[in-house]
Amino acid sequence: MESYNVSKPNESEFRIDGFPDAVKVIAISGEKAREAADLTSHRSDLNFAAECAEEVRQLFDGHALVRQSLWRCAVFHYFKCFATGARSPLSKHAVYDNDAMAMEVFEYFLDLRNKHLAHDVNAYAQCIPGAVLNSRDAPAKIAKIVFTNFVADTLDAGNLSNLRLLIDKAIAWVKERFDLLCNDLTQELEAIPYDTSLSRESVTYNAPTLGAIRKRR
């Protein structure tokens, strides 16, 4: 799954650099093309999650805010690939081949994401109310109403290592599946007459407008 630079010869059409013999980037469609496109988006999120996890590993404990931010980004972008959305989600059973240990770790991080990091559900975060009671001879019995926040620290070496293993396994599965689909698509397109392929529409891109924020693509 290589990456290439993209240039735009005009407002909507674009060119993928690195192919000196190319005359056109033709649009393709169908289930295989759609799945490969979804896998490309998954790869982007998984790579970002891996980069966040690696940055966390290299940062010292003094960068607590940055480390926690990167940690949460890593978890969120990883699970974005397994969530229902515009793209087809990855299957945990397919990616981890129903490995019992991997599935257990996956479920732990899913609960961590759903019940602690994204939503306040479990006991990992608690705010306990209290009142500071003065001595008997003080002018006021109550000095202050206080609330104490307790948040469990889930960022440790073990969790970081386990998350990175999950991410790396998912990246490897995505790459293997993507390569298989692209090989099939290449063979199918090679069987089509050249002039038929040349007559296809070019790949185009239209930047989203403000109104697209509420719409499913």
Protein backbone atom coordinates (compact mmCIF):
# COMPACT_ATOMS: atom_id res chain seq x y z
CA MET A 1 0.00 0.00 0.00
CA GLU A 2 2.24 2.76 -1.31
CA SER A 3 1.61 6.50 -1.04
CA TYR A 4 1.90 8.96 -3.92
CA ASN A 5 1.81 12.71 -4.32
CA VAL A 6 -1.28 14.19 -5.93
CA SER A 7 -1.38 17.28 -8.15
CA LYS A 8 -4.39 19.09 -9.61
CA PRO A 9 -4.24 20.14 -13.25
CA ASN A 10 -7.64 21.84 -12.86
CA GLU A 11 -10.29 22.56 -10.22
CA SER A 12 -11.87 19.09 -10.01
CA GLU A 13 -9.54 16.65 -11.79
CA PHE A 14 -6.32 15.48 -10.19
CA ARG A 15 -3.20 13.62 -11.24
CA ILE A 16 -1.27 10.99 -9.27
CA ASP A 17 2.45 11.66 -9.62
CA GLY A 18 5.06 8.97 -10.21
CA PHE A 19 3.66 7.40 -13.37
CA PRO A 20 5.47 8.94 -16.36
CA ASP A 21 3.59 6.82 -18.96
CA ALA A 22 0.15 7.57 -17.56
CA VAL A 23 -2.40 9.49 -19.64
CA LYS A 24 -5.36 9.40 -17.28
CA VAL A 25 -6.64 8.27 -13.89
CA ILE A 26 -9.88 6.47 -14.71
CA ALA A 27 -12.73 6.03 -12.27
CA ILE A 28 -13.57 2.48 -11.21
CA SER A 29 -16.51 1.18 -9.24
CA GLY A 30 -18.03 -1.98 -7.84
CA GLU A 31 -17.83 -3.88 -4.57
CA LYS A 32 -14.11 -4.63 -4.77
CA ALA A 33 -13.21 -1.02 -5.52
CA ARG A 34 -15.42 0.21 -2.68
CA GLU A 35 -13.94 -2.27 -0.21
CA ALA A 36 -10.39 -1.33 -1.24
CA ALA A 37 -11.27 2.35 -0.80
CA ASP A 38 -12.61 1.65 2.69
CA LEU A 39 -9.44 -0.28 3.51
CA THR A 40 -7.35 2.68 2.38
CA SER A 41 -9.24 4.91 4.82
CA HIS A 42 -8.82 2.32 7.56
CA ARG A 43 -5.10 2.18 6.86
CA SER A 44 -4.87 5.96 7.26
CA ASP A 45 -6.58 5.85 10.66
CA LEU A 46 -4.56 2.84 11.83
CA ASN A 47 -1.29 4.46 10.79
CA PHE A 48 -2.27 7.61 12.65
CA ALA A 49 -3.12 5.55 15.74
CA ALA A 50 0.25 3.79 15.50
CA GLU A 51 2.08 7.12 15.18
CA CYS A 52 0.24 8.50 18.21
CA ALA A 53 1.13 5.41 20.25
CA GLU A 54 4.77 5.68 19.22
CA GLU A 55 4.89 9.37 20.21
CA VAL A 56 3.41 8.46 23.61
CA ARG A 57 6.16 5.88 24.10
CA GLN A 58 8.89 8.40 23.38
CA LEU A 59 7.54 11.22 25.54
CA PHE A 60 8.68 11.60 29.14
CA ASP A 61 6.22 11.55 32.02
CA GLY A 62 6.53 15.33 32.34
CA HIS A 63 4.42 15.79 29.22
CA ALA A 64 1.27 14.47 30.91
CA LEU A 65 -1.27 16.47 28.90
CA VAL A 66 0.33 15.64 25.55
CA ARG A 67 0.74 11.97 26.45
CA GLN A 68 -2.90 11.63 27.52
CA SER A 69 -4.09 13.44 24.40
CA LEU A 70 -2.08 11.19 22.10
CA TRP A 71 -3.17 8.12 24.05
CA ARG A 72 -6.83 8.95 23.54
CA CYS A 73 -6.26 9.79 19.87
CA ALA A 74 -4.64 6.39 19.38
CA VAL A 75 -7.58 4.56 20.98
CA PHE A 76 -10.23 6.61 19.14
CA HIS A 77 -8.69 6.29 15.67
CA TYR A 78 -8.11 2.57 16.15
CA PHE A 79 -11.75 1.91 17.01
CA LYS A 80 -12.96 4.22 14.26
CA CYS A 81 -11.99 1.37 11.92
CA PHE A 82 -14.26 -1.12 13.71
CA ALA A 83 -17.27 1.19 14.09
CA THR A 84 -20.30 1.46 11.84
CA GLY A 85 -20.11 4.49 9.57
CA ALA A 86 -19.95 5.47 5.91
CA ARG A 87 -17.25 2.88 5.30
CA SER A 88 -17.52 -0.85 5.92
CA PRO A 89 -16.06 -1.60 9.36
CA LEU A 90 -13.26 -4.05 9.95
CA SER A 91 -14.30 -7.34 11.52
CA LYS A 92 -12.51 -8.14 14.76
CA HIS A 93 -13.07 -11.84 14.08
CA ALA A 94 -11.42 -11.62 10.65
CA VAL A 95 -8.54 -9.38 11.72
CA TYR A 96 -7.62 -11.36 14.83
CA ASP A 97 -8.68 -14.75 13.51
CA ASN A 98 -10.72 -15.39 16.67
CA ASP A 99 -7.53 -15.55 18.75
CA ALA A 100 -8.83 -15.72 22.34
CA MET A 101 -6.15 -13.49 23.86
CA ALA A 102 -6.37 -10.88 21.13
CA MET A 103 -10.16 -10.82 21.40
CA GLU A 104 -9.97 -10.34 25.17
CA VAL A 105 -7.57 -7.41 24.78
CA PHE A 106 -9.77 -5.95 22.02
CA GLU A 107 -12.85 -6.09 24.27
CA TYR A 108 -10.93 -4.44 27.12
CA PHE A 109 -9.97 -1.49 24.93
CA LEU A 110 -13.48 -1.31 23.49
CA ASP A 111 -14.86 -0.94 27.02
CA LEU A 112 -12.14 1.55 27.83
CA ARG A 113 -13.13 3.62 24.82
CA ASN A 114 -16.91 3.34 25.20
CA LYS A 115 -17.30 3.44 28.99
CA HIS A 116 -14.48 5.71 30.08
CA LEU A 117 -12.67 7.75 27.42
CA ALA A 118 -15.62 8.65 25.20
CA HIS A 119 -18.43 8.33 27.76
CA ASP A 120 -18.46 8.56 31.55
CA VAL A 121 -20.03 5.24 32.51
CA ASN A 122 -17.83 3.13 34.77
CA ALA A 123 -15.87 3.70 37.99
CA TYR A 124 -12.69 4.73 36.16
CA ALA A 125 -13.77 8.35 36.70
CA GLN A 126 -15.49 9.47 39.89
CA CYS A 127 -16.32 12.82 41.43
CA ILE A 128 -17.00 12.56 45.17
CA PRO A 129 -18.81 15.43 46.94
CA GLY A 130 -17.88 16.45 50.47
CA ALA A 131 -17.91 19.26 52.97
CA VAL A 132 -14.97 20.53 55.04
CA LEU A 133 -16.13 20.51 58.66
CA ASN A 134 -14.41 23.02 60.95
CA SER A 135 -13.59 22.54 64.58
CA ARG A 136 -16.35 23.01 67.15
CA ASP A 137 -15.19 26.48 68.18
CA ALA A 138 -14.72 27.87 64.64
CA PRO A 139 -16.98 30.77 63.50
CA ALA A 140 -18.60 28.55 60.86
CA LYS A 141 -19.19 24.83 60.98
CA ILE A 142 -18.66 24.33 57.23
CA ALA A 143 -15.53 25.80 55.68
CA LYS A 144 -16.16 24.75 52.10
CA ILE A 145 -18.15 22.44 49.87
CA VAL A 146 -15.60 20.40 47.92
CA PHE A 147 -15.68 17.92 45.06
CA THR A 148 -12.78 15.54 44.51
CA ASN A 149 -12.13 14.09 41.06
CA PHE A 150 -10.50 10.68 40.77
CA VAL A 151 -9.55 9.42 37.30
CA ALA A 152 -7.89 6.05 36.81
CA ASP A 153 -4.67 6.22 34.81
CA THR A 154 -5.01 3.74 31.95
CA LEU A 155 -1.81 4.79 30.21
CA ASP A 156 0.86 2.37 31.32
CA ALA A 157 3.52 0.31 29.55
CA GLY A 158 1.34 -2.81 29.39
CA ASN A 159 -1.70 -1.09 27.89
CA LEU A 160 0.42 0.86 25.44
CA SER A 161 2.16 -2.31 24.27
CA ASN A 162 -1.11 -4.23 23.93
CA LEU A 163 -2.76 -1.45 21.94
CA ARG A 164 0.21 -1.26 19.59
CA LEU A 165 0.03 -5.03 19.02
CA LEU A 166 -3.65 -4.73 18.11
CA ILE A 167 -2.93 -1.86 15.75
CA ASP A 168 0.00 -3.59 14.05
CA LYS A 169 -2.03 -6.76 13.52
CA ALA A 170 -4.87 -4.74 12.00
CA ILE A 171 -2.49 -2.88 9.68
CA ALA A 172 -1.02 -6.18 8.46
CA TRP A 173 -4.49 -7.64 7.80
CA VAL A 174 -5.64 -4.51 5.96
CA LYS A 175 -2.54 -4.55 3.75
CA GLU A 176 -2.97 -8.22 2.85
CA ARG A 177 -6.65 -7.81 2.02
CA PHE A 178 -6.02 -4.60 0.07
CA ASP A 179 -3.31 -6.19 -2.05
CA LEU A 180 -5.58 -9.12 -2.87
CA LEU A 181 -8.39 -6.83 -4.01
CA CYS A 182 -6.06 -4.67 -6.10
CA ASN A 183 -4.64 -7.74 -7.82
CA ASP A 184 -8.17 -8.86 -8.72
CA LEU A 185 -9.11 -5.39 -9.97
CA THR A 186 -5.94 -5.17 -12.05
CA GLN A 187 -6.65 -8.48 -13.75
CA GLU A 188 -10.24 -7.48 -14.47
CA LEU A 189 -9.20 -4.13 -15.97
CA GLU A 190 -6.40 -5.69 -18.02
CA ALA A 191 -9.04 -7.82 -19.78
CA ILE A 192 -10.97 -4.73 -20.94
CA PRO A 193 -10.06 -3.23 -24.36
CA TYR A 194 -7.78 -0.19 -24.07
CA ASP A 195 -10.15 2.22 -25.85
CA THR A 196 -12.98 1.19 -23.53
CA SER A 197 -10.85 2.01 -20.51
CA LEU A 198 -9.67 5.27 -22.07
CA SER A 199 -13.27 6.37 -22.59
CA ARG A 200 -14.08 6.07 -18.89
CA GLU A 201 -14.54 9.20 -16.82
CA SER A 202 -11.53 10.58 -15.00
CA VAL A 203 -11.34 10.43 -11.24
CA THR A 204 -12.56 13.74 -9.80
CA TYR A 205 -12.77 15.28 -6.35
CA ASN A 206 -15.13 17.98 -5.10
CA ALA A 207 -14.30 19.58 -1.78
CA PRO A 208 -17.14 19.30 0.76
CA THR A 209 -19.24 22.37 1.52
CA LEU A 210 -20.28 23.51 4.99
CA GLY A 211 -23.64 21.77 4.60
CA ALA A 212 -21.95 18.40 4.10
CA ILE A 213 -21.08 18.25 7.82
CA ARG A 214 -24.56 16.86 8.58
CA LYS A 215 -24.88 14.51 5.62
CA ARG A 216 -23.81 10.92 5.19
CA ARG A 217 -21.56 10.54 2.15
